[in-house]
Protein backbone atom coordinates (compact mmCIF):
# COMPACT_ATOMS: atom_id res chain seq x y z
CA MET A 1 109.81 99.37 105.95
CA THR A 2 111.57 101.79 108.21
CA ILE A 3 110.44 105.42 108.67
CA THR A 4 112.76 107.93 110.23
CA ASP A 5 112.08 111.48 111.31
CA VAL A 6 115.04 113.56 110.45
CA ALA A 7 115.94 116.74 112.39
CA ASP A 8 117.69 118.29 109.43
CA LYS A 9 117.25 121.48 107.52
CA THR A 10 116.77 119.73 104.27
CA ILE A 11 115.05 116.35 104.88
CA ALA A 12 111.73 116.16 106.64
CA LEU A 13 111.25 112.39 106.48
CA LYS A 14 113.30 109.51 105.28
CA ILE A 15 111.70 106.25 104.30
CA ALA A 16 113.26 102.84 103.59
CA PRO A 17 111.24 100.74 101.12
CA SER A 18 109.18 97.65 101.68
CA ARG A 19 110.70 94.73 99.82
CA ALA A 20 109.15 91.84 97.97
CA SER A 21 110.00 89.43 95.16
CA VAL A 22 108.11 89.19 91.82
CA GLY A 23 108.44 86.91 88.91
CA ALA A 24 111.69 84.98 88.75
CA GLY A 25 113.11 86.51 91.90
CA VAL A 26 113.18 90.09 90.69
CA ALA A 27 113.38 92.42 93.72
CA MET A 28 110.60 94.89 94.12
CA LEU A 29 111.25 97.98 96.28
CA ARG A 30 108.18 100.11 97.18
CA SER A 31 108.65 103.63 98.62
CA LEU A 32 105.15 105.04 97.97
CA PRO A 33 102.63 104.94 99.37
CA THR A 34 103.52 104.31 103.03
CA PRO A 35 101.52 104.77 106.32
CA ALA A 36 103.54 107.90 107.01
CA LEU A 37 103.60 109.32 103.53
CA GLU A 38 100.90 108.62 100.97
CA ALA A 39 102.12 111.08 98.30
CA VAL A 40 104.83 113.51 97.23
CA GLY A 41 103.17 116.35 95.32
CA PRO A 42 101.10 114.44 92.75
CA PHE A 43 103.07 111.23 92.99
CA VAL A 44 101.19 108.47 94.85
CA PHE A 45 103.18 105.35 93.96
CA LEU A 46 106.87 104.46 93.46
CA ASP A 47 108.24 101.04 92.74
CA GLN A 48 111.67 99.94 91.56
CA PHE A 49 111.92 96.49 89.94
CA GLY A 50 115.41 95.02 89.67
CA PRO A 51 118.10 94.88 88.73
CA GLY A 52 117.25 91.28 88.03
CA LYS A 53 116.02 88.83 85.44
CA PRO A 54 112.59 89.86 84.09
CA PRO A 55 109.58 87.61 84.80
CA PRO A 56 109.05 85.47 81.70
CA GLU A 57 105.29 85.88 81.79
CA GLY A 58 105.55 89.67 81.79
CA VAL A 59 102.87 91.78 83.43
CA PRO A 60 99.45 90.41 82.46
CA ALA A 61 96.56 92.57 81.32
CA HIS A 62 95.22 94.69 84.19
CA SER A 63 93.24 97.91 84.63
CA HIS A 64 94.09 101.48 85.75
CA ALA A 65 91.90 104.48 86.46
CA GLY A 66 92.37 107.86 88.15
CA ILE A 67 96.14 107.92 87.61
CA GLU A 68 98.93 108.78 85.26
CA ALA A 69 101.58 105.93 85.26
CA ILE A 70 105.20 106.37 84.15
CA SER A 71 107.62 103.49 83.47
CA TYR A 72 111.21 104.76 83.32
CA LEU A 73 113.57 102.02 82.08
CA LEU A 74 117.14 101.99 83.48
CA SER A 75 118.11 98.74 81.68
CA GLY A 76 116.39 96.18 79.43
CA GLU A 77 113.33 96.70 77.25
CA ASN A 78 109.61 97.08 77.86
CA ASP A 79 106.72 96.38 75.48
CA HIS A 80 103.33 97.99 76.09
CA ARG A 81 99.90 97.12 74.74
CA ASP A 82 96.54 98.48 75.88
CA SER A 83 92.81 98.20 75.41
CA PHE A 84 92.62 101.36 73.24
CA GLY A 85 94.97 99.95 70.57
CA ASN A 86 98.21 101.64 71.65
CA ALA A 87 101.40 99.75 71.53
CA GLY A 88 105.09 100.69 71.90
CA THR A 89 108.50 99.47 72.97
CA ILE A 90 111.10 101.41 75.00
CA ALA A 91 114.76 100.59 75.67
CA ALA A 92 117.11 101.64 78.47
CA GLY A 93 116.95 105.40 79.13
CA GLY A 94 113.51 105.74 77.67
CA ALA A 95 110.13 106.10 79.24
CA GLN A 96 106.48 105.46 78.54
CA TRP A 97 103.43 106.76 80.27
CA ILE A 98 99.62 106.44 80.33
CA SER A 99 97.05 108.91 81.38
CA SER A 100 94.42 106.45 82.41
CA GLY A 101 91.46 108.90 82.38
CA ARG A 102 88.20 107.06 83.04
CA GLY A 103 89.95 103.74 82.76
CA MET A 104 91.88 101.31 80.55
CA LEU A 105 93.70 97.98 80.49
CA HIS A 106 97.34 97.43 79.56
CA ALA A 107 99.89 94.61 79.57
CA GLU A 108 103.68 94.73 79.54
CA ILE A 109 106.48 92.39 78.49
CA LEU A 110 109.83 93.01 80.15
CA ARG A 111 113.11 91.87 78.68
CA GLY A 112 116.67 91.99 79.94
CA GLY A 113 119.59 93.86 78.36
CA ALA A 114 122.83 92.36 77.10
CA ASP A 115 123.42 90.96 80.55
CA GLY A 116 119.93 89.50 80.75
CA LEU A 117 118.90 91.91 83.53
CA MET A 118 116.21 94.55 83.74
CA ASN A 119 115.81 97.60 86.04
CA THR A 120 112.81 99.81 85.91
CA VAL A 121 111.06 102.43 87.98
CA GLN A 122 107.27 102.81 87.90
CA LEU A 123 105.62 105.88 89.29
CA TRP A 124 101.95 106.91 89.46
CA THR A 125 100.55 110.40 89.85
CA ARG A 126 96.97 111.29 90.82
CA GLN A 127 95.67 112.67 87.60
CA PRO A 128 93.74 116.07 87.75
CA ALA A 129 90.04 115.34 88.72
CA ALA A 130 88.99 117.15 85.48
CA PHE A 131 90.60 114.25 83.62
CA ASP A 132 88.68 111.50 85.47
CA ASP A 133 85.90 111.32 82.80
CA GLN A 134 88.24 111.66 79.75
CA PRO A 135 89.49 108.89 77.44
CA PRO A 136 93.03 107.43 78.17
CA ARG A 137 96.17 108.54 76.40
CA TYR A 138 99.52 106.92 75.85
CA GLY A 139 103.00 108.41 75.15
CA SER A 140 106.61 107.28 75.02
CA VAL A 141 110.02 108.79 74.59
CA ALA A 142 113.33 107.24 73.53
CA ALA A 143 116.54 107.92 75.50
CA ASP A 144 117.95 110.12 72.73
CA ASN A 145 115.00 112.46 73.01
CA VAL A 146 115.31 113.14 76.72
CA PRO A 147 116.90 116.56 77.31
CA GLN A 148 120.25 116.08 78.99
CA ILE A 149 123.12 118.17 80.20
CA ALA A 150 126.65 117.18 81.34
CA LEU A 151 128.31 119.10 84.12
CA PRO A 152 131.59 118.56 85.96
CA GLY A 153 130.92 115.34 87.89
CA ALA A 154 127.20 115.33 87.15
CA HIS A 155 124.69 114.39 84.41
CA ILE A 156 121.07 115.60 84.43
CA LYS A 157 118.20 114.06 82.47
CA LEU A 158 114.97 116.12 82.41
CA LEU A 159 112.12 113.61 82.15
CA SER A 160 109.10 115.71 83.14
CA GLY A 161 108.42 119.30 84.13
CA GLU A 162 111.00 122.13 84.16
CA LEU A 163 114.37 122.82 85.71
CA PRO A 164 115.25 126.53 85.51
CA LEU A 165 118.96 127.44 85.36
CA TYR A 166 119.79 124.24 83.43
CA PHE A 167 117.12 123.73 80.75
CA GLY A 168 115.07 126.11 78.64
CA GLU A 169 112.50 123.42 77.75
CA SER A 170 110.10 121.06 79.56
CA GLY A 171 110.73 117.35 79.84
CA PRO A 172 109.15 115.10 77.18
CA ILE A 173 106.89 113.23 79.58
CA ARG A 174 103.83 115.48 79.23
CA LEU A 175 101.30 114.57 81.91
CA GLN A 176 97.87 116.02 82.34
CA GLY A 177 98.88 117.54 85.69
CA PRO A 178 102.09 119.38 86.59
CA ALA A 179 104.84 117.15 87.87
CA GLN A 180 108.60 117.24 88.05
CA LEU A 181 110.78 114.16 87.43
CA ILE A 182 114.56 114.54 87.01
CA HIS A 183 117.34 111.89 86.98
CA ILE A 184 120.69 113.01 88.31
CA ALA A 185 123.91 111.00 88.14
CA LEU A 186 126.82 112.03 90.39
CA ALA A 187 130.39 110.87 90.11
CA PRO A 188 132.26 110.12 93.37
CA GLY A 189 132.96 113.28 95.29
CA ALA A 190 130.70 115.45 93.07
CA SER A 191 127.98 117.80 94.25
CA LEU A 192 125.21 119.76 92.53
CA MET A 193 122.66 122.52 93.52
CA LEU A 194 119.20 122.28 92.02
CA PRO A 195 116.53 124.95 92.24
CA LEU A 196 113.09 124.05 93.80
CA GLU A 197 109.73 125.62 93.90
CA PRO A 198 109.09 126.14 97.64
CA SER A 199 105.31 125.76 97.24
CA HIS A 200 105.75 122.21 95.80
CA GLU A 201 106.22 118.97 97.64
CA MET A 202 109.53 117.41 96.57
CA ALA A 203 111.51 114.31 97.43
CA VAL A 204 114.73 112.59 96.37
CA TYR A 205 114.77 108.83 95.67
CA VAL A 206 118.08 107.03 95.51
CA LEU A 207 118.27 104.80 92.45
CA ALA A 208 121.82 103.50 92.99
CA GLY A 209 124.72 104.16 95.35
CA ALA A 210 124.21 106.68 98.19
CA ALA A 211 123.69 110.41 98.20
CA ALA A 212 124.10 113.22 100.70
CA ILE A 213 121.00 115.46 100.57
CA GLY A 214 121.72 118.75 102.30
CA GLY A 215 124.36 116.84 104.35
CA GLU A 216 122.12 113.95 105.37
CA GLU A 217 122.98 110.60 103.63
CA ALA A 218 120.38 108.40 102.06
CA SER A 219 121.08 104.89 100.73
CA ARG A 220 119.79 103.04 97.71
CA ALA A 221 115.98 102.84 97.47
CA GLU A 222 115.50 105.31 100.31
CA LEU A 223 113.07 108.18 99.73
CA ALA A 224 113.87 111.54 101.39
CA LEU A 225 110.93 114.01 101.63
CA LEU A 226 112.37 117.55 101.42
CA ARG A 227 111.38 120.52 103.55
CA PRO A 228 110.16 123.51 101.51
CA ALA A 229 113.20 125.45 100.25
CA PRO A 230 114.31 127.36 97.13
CA SER A 231 117.00 124.82 96.35
CA VAL A 232 118.58 121.51 97.40
CA THR A 233 122.26 120.39 97.27
CA LEU A 234 122.97 116.79 96.32
CA ALA A 235 126.41 115.21 96.72
CA ASN A 236 127.96 111.77 96.31
CA PRO A 237 130.14 111.03 99.34
CA GLY A 238 130.97 107.49 98.19
CA ALA A 239 133.59 105.82 96.01
CA THR A 240 131.14 104.65 93.37
CA PRO A 241 128.63 106.50 91.16
CA ALA A 242 125.27 107.57 92.56
CA ASP A 243 121.99 107.98 90.79
CA VAL A 244 118.92 109.78 92.20
CA LEU A 245 115.41 110.89 91.09
CA LEU A 246 114.14 114.32 92.11
CA LEU A 247 110.37 114.14 92.00
CA GLY A 248 107.28 116.11 93.13
CA GLY A 249 105.09 119.03 92.26
CA LYS A 250 101.83 120.53 93.38
CA ARG A 251 100.24 118.65 96.31
CA ALA A 252 97.51 116.22 95.16
CA PRO A 253 94.03 117.06 96.51
CA ARG A 254 92.93 115.03 99.51
CA PRO A 255 91.52 112.62 100.43
CA LEU A 256 93.39 110.08 98.32
CA VAL A 257 91.43 106.81 98.10
CA PHE A 258 93.44 103.73 96.91
CA ARG A 259 91.97 100.46 95.64
CA GLY A 260 94.45 98.27 93.82
CA PRO A 261 95.24 99.97 90.51
CA TYR A 262 92.79 102.85 91.05
CA VAL A 263 93.41 106.15 92.94
CA PHE A 264 90.57 108.72 93.27
CA ASN A 265 89.36 111.31 95.81
CA SER A 266 86.28 109.44 96.86
CA THR A 267 84.99 105.90 97.56
CA GLU A 268 82.18 106.49 95.10
CA ALA A 269 84.63 107.13 92.24
CA ILE A 270 86.60 103.98 93.14
CA GLU A 271 83.37 101.93 93.09
CA GLN A 272 82.39 103.41 89.70
CA ALA A 273 85.79 102.54 88.26
CA TYR A 274 85.53 98.95 89.45
CA SER A 275 82.05 98.73 87.92
CA ASP A 276 83.35 100.17 84.62
CA TYR A 277 86.09 97.48 84.60
CA VAL A 278 83.85 94.53 85.38
CA GLU A 279 81.26 95.63 82.81
CA GLY A 280 83.87 96.08 80.06
CA ARG A 281 83.67 99.88 79.72
CA MET A 282 87.48 100.10 79.98
CA GLY A 283 87.76 97.83 77.01
CA THR A 284 89.16 94.31 76.84
CA LEU A 285 92.67 92.92 76.45
CA ASP A 286 93.80 89.28 76.25
CA GLY A 287 90.36 88.11 77.50
CA VAL A 288 90.32 90.46 80.48
CA PRO A 289 88.03 91.14 82.26
CA PHE A 290 85.85 88.36 80.85
């Protein structure tokens, strides 16, 4: 992982992802958390899997607590099952999310598209502390139900939060805490200005291609933390299409304490979650945790 301080009016920090391989050689790119940047607004985790062949064994049953997790599918399909009886399938362009509350287990099966490949982004937010003792919730949205707008050279998908000037509604991913998640596709040579809330922490993640962010270029899988500003200009300087995510929101309370699939604000809460998991209070799924 490479971390670069950027002396630029728009970008405060630019981070290249750590890289690993999962399943049958599917590339995993992780941009959050890092030693230099543990969160962007409420977002505490960002992984991109693929494009590649999905692992045939899927993602086995495992627990989460203290977070809201979003899976946004760029290609392929994803099946979800959890310890509270929820189940669902999303296809390319759709998303599913869980508000883990006091804890739950889930499992996923990933399938490739017509070309056999899958590509998905998983993000976690630190859920509001008031939700830490609440039961989990699950939601999903199909691609056709994501608000979209086509502009000259650009296409915007509003996944979560609001985007004034372009949409008069909120995105369908309704988390317990405020967060903004927007997918922008730019044709070669195109540019677009997006409004920002200066009090929020915001970043741009490059899904594909390369993007100029206030004049500073970022490559695929790089995360650019933005300086506070009322707007950001995105452009595609390349000869191929570019796709980016704009993400962020209100800063998550500190300290942030991570332990595997749990994120809380204290070690005591982490230990309680682990105890709840081991003793079955998060439910059971596929014989886990026993």
